Protein backbone atom coordinates (compact mmCIF):
# COMPACT_ATOMS: atom_id res chain seq x y z
CA MET A 1 51.40 -46.82 -9.89
CA PRO A 2 50.57 -44.24 -12.67
CA THR A 3 48.58 -45.64 -15.65
CA SER A 4 51.09 -45.17 -18.90
CA SER A 5 50.64 -43.03 -21.84
CA LYS A 6 49.94 -46.38 -23.82
CA GLU A 7 47.00 -47.50 -21.49
CA LEU A 8 45.61 -43.72 -21.08
CA VAL A 9 45.18 -43.90 -25.41
CA ARG A 10 43.83 -47.30 -25.21
CA GLN A 11 41.36 -46.48 -22.55
CA ALA A 12 39.67 -43.40 -24.92
CA MET A 13 39.63 -45.67 -27.99
CA SER A 14 37.90 -48.21 -26.00
CA LEU A 15 35.49 -45.74 -25.16
CA GLU A 16 36.02 -45.51 -21.72
CA LYS A 17 37.01 -42.32 -19.17
CA PRO A 18 40.69 -42.52 -18.58
CA GLU A 19 41.56 -40.73 -15.11
CA ARG A 20 43.44 -38.50 -17.56
CA VAL A 21 42.71 -37.37 -20.84
CA PRO A 22 45.47 -38.20 -23.49
CA VAL A 23 46.73 -36.17 -25.68
CA MET A 24 48.67 -36.36 -28.94
CA CYS A 25 48.68 -34.50 -32.21
CA GLN A 26 49.63 -34.45 -35.92
CA LEU A 27 52.19 -32.16 -36.52
CA ALA A 28 53.26 -30.58 -40.50
CA ILE A 29 56.46 -32.40 -41.40
CA GLY A 30 57.58 -28.19 -41.50
CA HIS A 31 56.88 -28.13 -38.06
CA THR A 32 58.67 -31.08 -36.74
CA LEU A 33 61.35 -29.77 -38.74
CA LEU A 34 61.72 -26.80 -37.35
CA GLN A 35 61.57 -28.05 -33.86
CA THR A 36 63.84 -30.47 -33.77
CA GLY A 37 66.89 -29.15 -36.25
CA ILE A 38 66.74 -32.27 -38.42
CA HIS A 39 67.66 -31.28 -41.84
CA PRO A 40 65.04 -31.94 -44.36
CA VAL A 41 66.96 -34.04 -46.54
CA ASP A 42 67.96 -36.70 -44.05
CA TYR A 43 64.33 -36.76 -43.13
CA PHE A 44 63.34 -37.83 -46.06
CA LEU A 45 66.12 -40.01 -47.11
CA SER A 46 66.91 -41.44 -43.78
CA SER A 47 64.33 -43.79 -42.15
CA GLU A 48 66.45 -43.30 -38.51
CA ALA A 49 66.37 -39.73 -39.19
CA TYR A 50 62.74 -39.52 -39.87
CA ALA A 51 62.12 -41.87 -36.65
CA ASP A 52 64.01 -39.70 -34.48
CA GLY A 53 62.23 -36.66 -35.62
CA LEU A 54 58.75 -38.59 -34.44
CA LEU A 55 60.10 -39.04 -31.34
CA LYS A 56 62.19 -36.22 -30.47
CA ILE A 57 58.89 -34.08 -31.10
CA ARG A 58 57.15 -36.22 -28.72
CA GLU A 59 59.34 -35.94 -25.80
CA ILE A 60 59.42 -32.11 -26.53
CA TYR A 61 55.38 -32.07 -25.88
CA ASN A 62 55.21 -35.09 -23.79
CA PHE A 63 52.47 -36.29 -26.16
CA ASP A 64 50.89 -40.08 -25.14
CA GLY A 65 51.88 -41.25 -28.38
CA VAL A 66 53.35 -41.27 -31.55
CA LEU A 67 51.76 -41.05 -35.31
CA MET A 68 54.13 -42.39 -38.41
CA HIS A 69 52.90 -40.70 -41.44
CA LYS A 70 54.58 -42.53 -43.67
CA ALA A 71 56.65 -45.73 -44.77
CA GLY A 72 60.51 -46.05 -43.80
CA ARG A 73 63.00 -45.38 -46.30
CA ASP A 74 64.09 -46.89 -49.28
CA PRO A 75 67.94 -47.30 -49.28
CA LYS A 76 68.24 -48.15 -53.29
CA PHE A 77 66.38 -44.55 -53.72
CA MET A 78 69.96 -43.03 -53.98
CA GLU A 79 70.47 -45.28 -56.92
CA LEU A 80 68.56 -42.36 -58.96
CA VAL A 81 70.13 -39.87 -57.41
CA VAL A 82 72.78 -37.60 -59.33
CA ARG A 83 72.98 -34.84 -56.97
CA ILE A 84 72.12 -33.46 -53.47
CA ASP A 85 72.58 -29.61 -52.52
CA ARG A 86 72.02 -29.44 -48.80
CA ASP A 87 73.06 -25.75 -48.69
CA GLN A 88 70.63 -24.12 -50.76
CA GLU A 89 67.88 -22.09 -49.83
CA THR A 90 65.47 -25.12 -50.67
CA PRO A 91 67.97 -28.48 -50.51
CA SER A 92 67.10 -30.41 -53.40
CA VAL A 93 67.52 -34.08 -54.61
CA TYR A 94 68.35 -34.18 -58.36
CA LEU A 95 67.46 -37.53 -59.87
CA LYS A 96 68.59 -38.93 -63.20
CA ASP A 97 65.46 -38.60 -65.13
CA GLY A 98 65.49 -35.08 -64.86
CA SER A 99 63.06 -34.63 -61.88
CA ARG A 100 64.14 -33.24 -58.30
CA ILE A 101 62.75 -33.59 -54.83
CA ASP A 102 62.72 -30.06 -53.02
CA CYS A 103 62.93 -30.63 -49.77
CA THR A 104 61.47 -27.49 -48.24
CA ARG A 105 63.21 -26.30 -44.46
CA ASP A 106 59.48 -25.54 -43.38
CA ASP A 107 57.24 -27.79 -45.31
CA ASP A 108 56.77 -31.12 -46.97
CA PRO A 109 58.69 -32.39 -49.95
CA TYR A 110 57.94 -32.16 -53.40
CA TYR A 111 57.86 -33.90 -56.23
CA ARG A 112 59.10 -32.04 -59.00
CA TYR A 113 58.17 -33.44 -62.26
CA PRO A 114 60.83 -33.94 -65.06
CA GLU A 115 60.40 -32.05 -68.51
CA GLY A 116 57.82 -34.10 -70.54
CA PHE A 117 56.26 -35.53 -67.41
CA GLU A 118 52.34 -36.17 -68.21
CA ARG A 119 49.80 -38.85 -66.54
CA PRO A 120 47.62 -40.42 -68.92
CA GLU A 121 43.87 -40.54 -68.99
CA VAL A 122 42.09 -42.03 -66.07
CA VAL A 123 40.46 -44.57 -67.79
CA THR A 124 43.59 -46.07 -69.37
CA PHE A 125 45.30 -46.78 -66.05
CA ASP A 126 45.76 -50.49 -65.38
CA PRO A 127 43.72 -51.35 -62.11
CA ASP A 128 46.19 -54.27 -61.68
CA ASP A 129 48.97 -52.19 -62.22
CA PRO A 130 48.15 -48.50 -61.04
CA LEU A 131 51.70 -47.08 -61.07
CA GLY A 132 52.97 -49.46 -64.05
CA TRP A 133 52.91 -46.08 -66.82
CA ALA A 134 54.95 -44.00 -64.68
CA PRO A 135 58.79 -42.94 -64.95
CA GLU A 136 60.63 -44.97 -62.16
CA SER A 137 61.54 -41.56 -60.05
CA PHE A 138 57.46 -40.93 -59.81
CA ARG A 139 56.56 -44.35 -58.27
CA ARG A 140 59.60 -44.26 -56.01
CA TRP A 141 58.09 -40.98 -54.66
CA CYS A 142 54.64 -42.30 -54.48
CA GLU A 143 56.34 -45.21 -52.18
CA HIS A 144 57.75 -42.73 -50.47
CA LYS A 145 54.56 -41.20 -49.49
CA GLY A 146 53.02 -44.64 -49.10
CA THR A 147 51.40 -45.61 -52.50
CA ALA A 148 52.95 -49.01 -53.84
CA ALA A 149 51.25 -51.78 -55.32
CA TYR A 150 52.05 -54.09 -52.87
CA ARG A 151 48.95 -55.89 -51.96
CA THR A 152 49.61 -58.65 -49.44
CA PRO A 153 51.26 -58.07 -45.84
CA GLU A 154 53.65 -60.63 -46.94
CA ALA A 155 54.97 -58.25 -50.05
CA ILE A 156 55.88 -55.46 -47.60
CA PRO A 157 59.57 -55.28 -48.11
CA GLU A 158 61.44 -55.07 -45.06
CA PHE A 159 62.70 -51.20 -45.42
CA TRP A 160 59.00 -50.32 -45.51
CA TYR A 161 59.17 -51.33 -41.04
CA GLY A 162 62.61 -49.07 -40.80
CA CYS A 163 60.53 -46.15 -38.76
CA VAL A 164 57.89 -48.73 -37.14
CA ASP A 165 60.67 -50.80 -35.85
CA ARG A 166 62.51 -48.20 -34.24
CA ILE A 167 59.46 -46.21 -32.68
CA VAL A 168 57.97 -49.78 -31.46
CA ALA A 169 61.18 -50.48 -29.78
CA ALA A 170 62.10 -47.16 -28.00
CA ILE A 171 58.61 -46.40 -26.78
CA GLY A 172 55.88 -49.12 -27.83
CA LYS A 173 55.88 -50.74 -24.11
CA THR A 174 54.89 -47.30 -22.66
CA HIS A 175 53.28 -44.74 -25.33
CA SER A 176 50.85 -45.28 -27.81
CA VAL A 177 51.95 -46.32 -31.61
CA HIS A 178 49.75 -45.26 -34.26
CA GLY A 179 50.79 -46.13 -37.81
CA GLU A 180 48.87 -44.55 -40.73
CA VAL A 181 47.73 -45.96 -44.06
CA ARG A 182 46.34 -43.56 -47.08
CA SER A 183 42.57 -44.10 -48.04
CA PRO A 184 41.79 -45.34 -51.40
CA PHE A 185 40.14 -42.51 -52.42
CA ASP A 186 43.66 -40.44 -51.06
CA HIS A 187 45.70 -43.37 -53.16
CA LEU A 188 43.57 -42.00 -56.61
CA LEU A 189 43.82 -38.71 -56.33
CA ASN A 190 47.59 -39.23 -55.60
CA ILE A 191 48.33 -41.44 -58.65
CA VAL A 192 45.84 -39.86 -61.35
CA GLY A 193 45.61 -36.01 -60.42
CA MET A 194 43.26 -34.16 -58.29
CA GLU A 195 41.27 -32.96 -60.72
CA PRO A 196 41.38 -35.73 -62.93
CA GLY A 197 40.49 -37.71 -60.06
CA LEU A 198 37.20 -36.02 -59.06
CA MET A 199 36.50 -35.95 -62.76
CA ALA A 200 36.86 -39.53 -62.98
CA LEU A 201 33.95 -40.09 -60.95
CA LEU A 202 31.53 -38.48 -63.24
CA THR A 203 32.94 -39.73 -66.81
CA ASP A 204 34.62 -42.97 -66.15
CA PRO A 205 32.43 -44.68 -62.60
CA ASP A 206 33.01 -48.27 -62.91
CA HIS A 207 36.73 -47.79 -64.06
CA THR A 208 37.41 -45.55 -61.38
CA LYS A 209 35.68 -48.35 -58.95
CA ARG A 210 37.96 -50.61 -60.34
CA LEU A 211 41.14 -48.50 -59.47
CA LEU A 212 39.23 -48.21 -55.82
CA GLU A 213 39.49 -51.92 -55.28
CA THR A 214 43.45 -52.39 -55.82
CA PHE A 215 43.71 -49.10 -53.94
CA ALA A 216 41.78 -50.62 -50.89
CA GLU A 217 43.75 -53.93 -50.89
CA MET A 218 47.22 -51.61 -50.86
CA SER A 219 45.88 -49.51 -48.22
CA VAL A 220 44.47 -53.06 -46.11
CA SER A 221 47.69 -54.83 -46.59
CA TRP A 222 49.90 -52.11 -45.18
CA ALA A 223 47.90 -51.18 -42.51
CA VAL A 224 47.41 -55.23 -41.32
CA ALA A 225 51.43 -55.54 -42.05
CA GLN A 226 51.73 -52.29 -39.09
CA CYS A 227 49.47 -53.70 -36.66
CA ARG A 228 51.60 -57.00 -36.71
CA ARG A 229 54.67 -55.13 -36.44
CA GLY A 230 53.39 -53.43 -33.48
CA CYS A 231 51.04 -50.75 -33.69
CA ASP A 232 48.54 -49.71 -31.68
CA ALA A 233 46.25 -47.86 -33.82
CA ILE A 234 45.78 -47.15 -37.52
CA LYS A 235 44.62 -43.91 -38.62
CA ILE A 236 43.48 -44.03 -41.91
CA SER A 237 44.36 -40.54 -43.78
CA SER A 238 41.33 -39.14 -45.95
CA PRO A 239 41.84 -36.00 -46.45
CA PHE A 240 39.82 -35.18 -49.49
CA ALA A 241 36.82 -36.60 -48.30
CA GLY A 242 34.71 -33.86 -46.63
CA GLY A 243 32.01 -31.38 -48.13
CA GLY A 244 34.31 -29.25 -49.71
CA PHE A 245 35.13 -32.29 -52.33
CA LEU A 246 31.81 -34.62 -51.86
CA SER A 247 28.56 -34.72 -51.04
CA PRO A 248 27.25 -36.90 -48.12
CA ASP A 249 25.62 -39.10 -51.17
CA GLN A 250 29.02 -39.30 -52.85
CA TYR A 251 31.04 -39.95 -49.44
CA ARG A 252 28.62 -43.30 -48.92
CA GLU A 253 29.59 -44.19 -52.60
CA TRP A 254 33.15 -43.50 -53.11
CA ILE A 255 34.34 -43.67 -49.61
CA LEU A 256 32.58 -45.93 -47.37
CA PRO A 257 32.82 -48.98 -48.99
CA TYR A 258 36.34 -48.97 -49.10
CA GLU A 259 37.42 -47.37 -45.78
CA ALA A 260 35.33 -50.03 -44.24
CA ARG A 261 37.43 -52.86 -45.94
CA ILE A 262 40.70 -50.86 -43.89
CA ALA A 263 38.46 -50.90 -40.81
CA ALA A 264 37.42 -54.17 -40.41
CA ALA A 265 41.08 -55.48 -41.70
CA VAL A 266 42.27 -53.65 -38.04
CA ARG A 267 39.63 -55.05 -35.88
CA GLY A 268 40.46 -58.40 -37.53
CA GLU A 269 44.02 -57.91 -36.05
CA GLY A 270 42.54 -56.59 -32.77
CA LYS A 271 44.02 -53.06 -33.08
CA PHE A 272 41.69 -49.89 -33.22
CA VAL A 273 41.24 -47.95 -36.37
CA TYR A 274 40.10 -44.23 -37.13
CA THR A 275 39.81 -41.81 -40.07
CA HIS A 276 40.91 -38.53 -40.47
CA THR A 277 38.69 -36.25 -42.46
CA CYS A 278 39.50 -32.04 -42.77
CA GLY A 279 37.24 -29.54 -42.98
CA ALA A 280 33.44 -29.99 -43.47
CA ILE A 281 32.13 -33.40 -42.32
CA GLY A 282 29.46 -32.40 -39.36
CA ASP A 283 26.59 -33.60 -41.83
CA ARG A 284 28.31 -37.10 -42.42
CA LEU A 285 29.86 -38.09 -38.51
CA ASP A 286 26.89 -40.75 -38.92
CA ILE A 287 28.26 -41.98 -42.33
CA MET A 288 31.75 -42.51 -41.15
CA ALA A 289 30.58 -44.14 -38.45
CA GLU A 290 28.79 -47.10 -40.58
CA SER A 291 32.65 -47.96 -41.72
CA GLY A 292 33.71 -49.87 -38.85
CA ILE A 293 36.24 -47.36 -36.99
CA HIS A 294 36.44 -46.83 -33.61
CA GLY A 295 36.87 -43.12 -33.76
CA ILE A 296 37.09 -39.79 -35.73
CA GLU A 297 40.04 -37.19 -36.47
CA THR A 298 39.76 -34.06 -36.68
CA LEU A 299 36.24 -32.81 -36.13
CA ASP A 300 37.45 -29.00 -37.07
CA PRO A 301 35.62 -26.24 -35.82
CA PRO A 302 34.09 -23.33 -38.05
CA PRO A 303 34.97 -21.71 -39.80
CA LEU A 304 37.66 -24.54 -40.92
CA GLY A 305 35.35 -26.70 -40.54
CA THR A 306 31.35 -27.79 -39.68
CA VAL A 307 31.66 -29.58 -36.83
CA ASN A 308 30.38 -28.56 -32.97
CA LEU A 309 31.95 -30.19 -30.53
CA GLY A 310 29.09 -30.96 -27.93
CA GLU A 311 26.68 -32.10 -31.15
CA ALA A 312 29.57 -34.49 -32.04
CA LYS A 313 29.91 -35.92 -28.47
CA ARG A 314 26.09 -36.65 -28.03
CA LEU A 315 25.96 -37.63 -31.63
CA LEU A 316 28.96 -40.06 -31.17
CA ARG A 317 28.57 -41.23 -27.15
CA ASP A 318 29.39 -44.97 -26.53
CA ARG A 319 30.03 -45.30 -30.45
CA LEU A 320 33.21 -43.45 -31.49
CA PHE A 321 36.07 -41.98 -29.81
CA ILE A 322 36.97 -38.30 -30.69
CA LYS A 323 40.22 -36.96 -31.73
CA GLY A 324 40.54 -33.31 -32.10
CA ASN A 325 39.05 -30.26 -32.51
CA VAL A 326 41.35 -28.07 -31.01
CA ASP A 327 41.41 -24.76 -34.23
CA PRO A 328 45.16 -25.43 -34.98
CA VAL A 329 45.01 -21.87 -37.10
CA ASN A 330 43.13 -19.45 -35.25
CA SER A 331 43.94 -20.78 -31.62
CA LEU A 332 47.43 -22.20 -31.67
CA LEU A 333 48.71 -20.16 -34.81
CA ARG A 334 47.49 -16.62 -34.22
CA LYS A 335 47.11 -16.23 -30.90
CA ASP A 336 49.55 -16.36 -28.21
CA ALA A 337 49.99 -18.82 -25.58
CA LYS A 338 47.30 -17.18 -22.96
CA GLY A 339 44.75 -16.89 -25.81
CA ALA A 340 46.04 -20.63 -27.19
CA ARG A 341 45.14 -21.63 -23.24
CA GLU A 342 41.68 -20.50 -23.27
CA ASP A 343 40.56 -22.03 -26.67
CA ILE A 344 42.34 -24.99 -25.51
CA GLU A 345 40.58 -25.31 -22.04
CA ARG A 346 37.19 -24.42 -24.03
CA VAL A 347 37.45 -27.54 -26.32
CA PHE A 348 39.05 -29.68 -23.62
CA GLY A 349 35.89 -29.05 -21.24
CA ILE A 350 33.60 -29.86 -23.81
CA GLY A 351 35.61 -33.05 -25.32
CA SER A 352 36.53 -34.34 -21.97
CA GLU A 353 32.90 -34.67 -20.52
CA GLY A 354 32.70 -38.63 -20.52
CA GLY A 355 35.64 -39.65 -21.69
CA GLN A 356 36.02 -41.25 -24.85
CA TYR A 357 38.00 -38.20 -26.34
CA ILE A 358 41.77 -37.57 -27.11
CA LEU A 359 42.99 -34.07 -26.91
CA SER A 360 44.72 -32.70 -30.23
CA THR A 361 44.55 -30.34 -32.92
CA ALA A 362 41.64 -30.57 -35.64
CA CYS A 363 44.28 -30.79 -37.99
CA SER A 364 48.13 -30.63 -38.32
CA VAL A 365 50.33 -27.96 -36.05
CA ALA A 366 50.90 -25.33 -38.75
CA PRO A 367 54.66 -25.57 -39.61
CA PRO A 368 55.62 -21.64 -37.89
CA THR A 369 53.45 -22.22 -34.96
CA LYS A 370 54.72 -21.33 -31.48
CA ARG A 371 56.59 -24.08 -29.50
CA GLU A 372 54.80 -22.46 -26.57
CA ASN A 373 50.92 -22.71 -27.64
CA VAL A 374 51.45 -26.46 -28.70
CA LYS A 375 52.67 -27.17 -25.04
CA GLN A 376 50.00 -25.80 -23.75
CA LEU A 377 47.93 -28.98 -25.06
CA THR A 378 49.61 -31.12 -22.15
CA GLU A 379 49.81 -28.68 -19.80
CA CYS A 380 46.24 -28.56 -20.13
CA VAL A 381 45.50 -32.19 -19.11
CA TYR A 382 47.71 -32.36 -16.32
CA ALA A 383 46.39 -29.29 -15.10
CA HIS A 384 42.86 -31.07 -14.71
CA ALA A 385 44.50 -34.42 -13.89
CA GLY A 386 45.09 -33.09 -10.19
């Protein structure tokens, strides 16, 4: 009897060498929408549509697992809605306070602020209630993005499990199911804004650390809750922790202690945990490993990032599993199927040596990427499986 996809992924994350290299990718929301035909308004509002989109795209590409980016959708969100225009070029959900959600057909949804919307200064944010200042529409939007002030697993509302439960029930016995939490630093930038958040590291460091403590509690709670609901692994989404944003010393101060809390909590549940950081991380792989994670994604190669896969394999062997390194832009988006396959084969040859590897694009598969190019990933691993 062949080894299941779920077991292959488990073996790779356990630093073993599976009989076949597992493959699964993070996909841009726009790519899933374009490939599945699900309406973007439904994808935004419905847990069922969201879960079914993830299941369908996994089936299209024959991936060994599913990654759930966000929590289930709040059915009471409709209480804020005054109208929905599903047929305009950018379908939109209009809310009572003048804000709207643009549900783009080939990209993420976007919150458009109501007139007069202003964030307060970071130093005024209450660490005990970091969204207390915000209008209801923005708080609900943040909740949709996975940022909400639930600080224990028991506080998580039932609707947040709408996607987890549907996917675990559908494929949880045969395929690897991965949940996701935002890193505390990502929560910070989401709530206070990108520029104010980065400036606050310099101008209000003590207050910012108090905020990060709260955000760590939020991430730990949702991570543990997903583990207990059936997820096999948790991805920590930490896209703004690379060299373009923080130095290695800043990483150690602003990222490491807070992500270490998430890693310890997930390990305490007997599940796997890995960090997703884009871009330039070649100078901080050792520091990332100190957090207690089991693995690292995305390991962007040049020119997107600074990771040499062979060097990363040597550095991290028997310490962390690796997921990624296939260039989603220059290999999958811009090349034809033959060129994409050649690049995938090269990465596969390095990554698969000794196991402890999951074949994946470095960062998300871009929305307009051709389906035939993405399929080269699974075709590659099956060709080498004999």
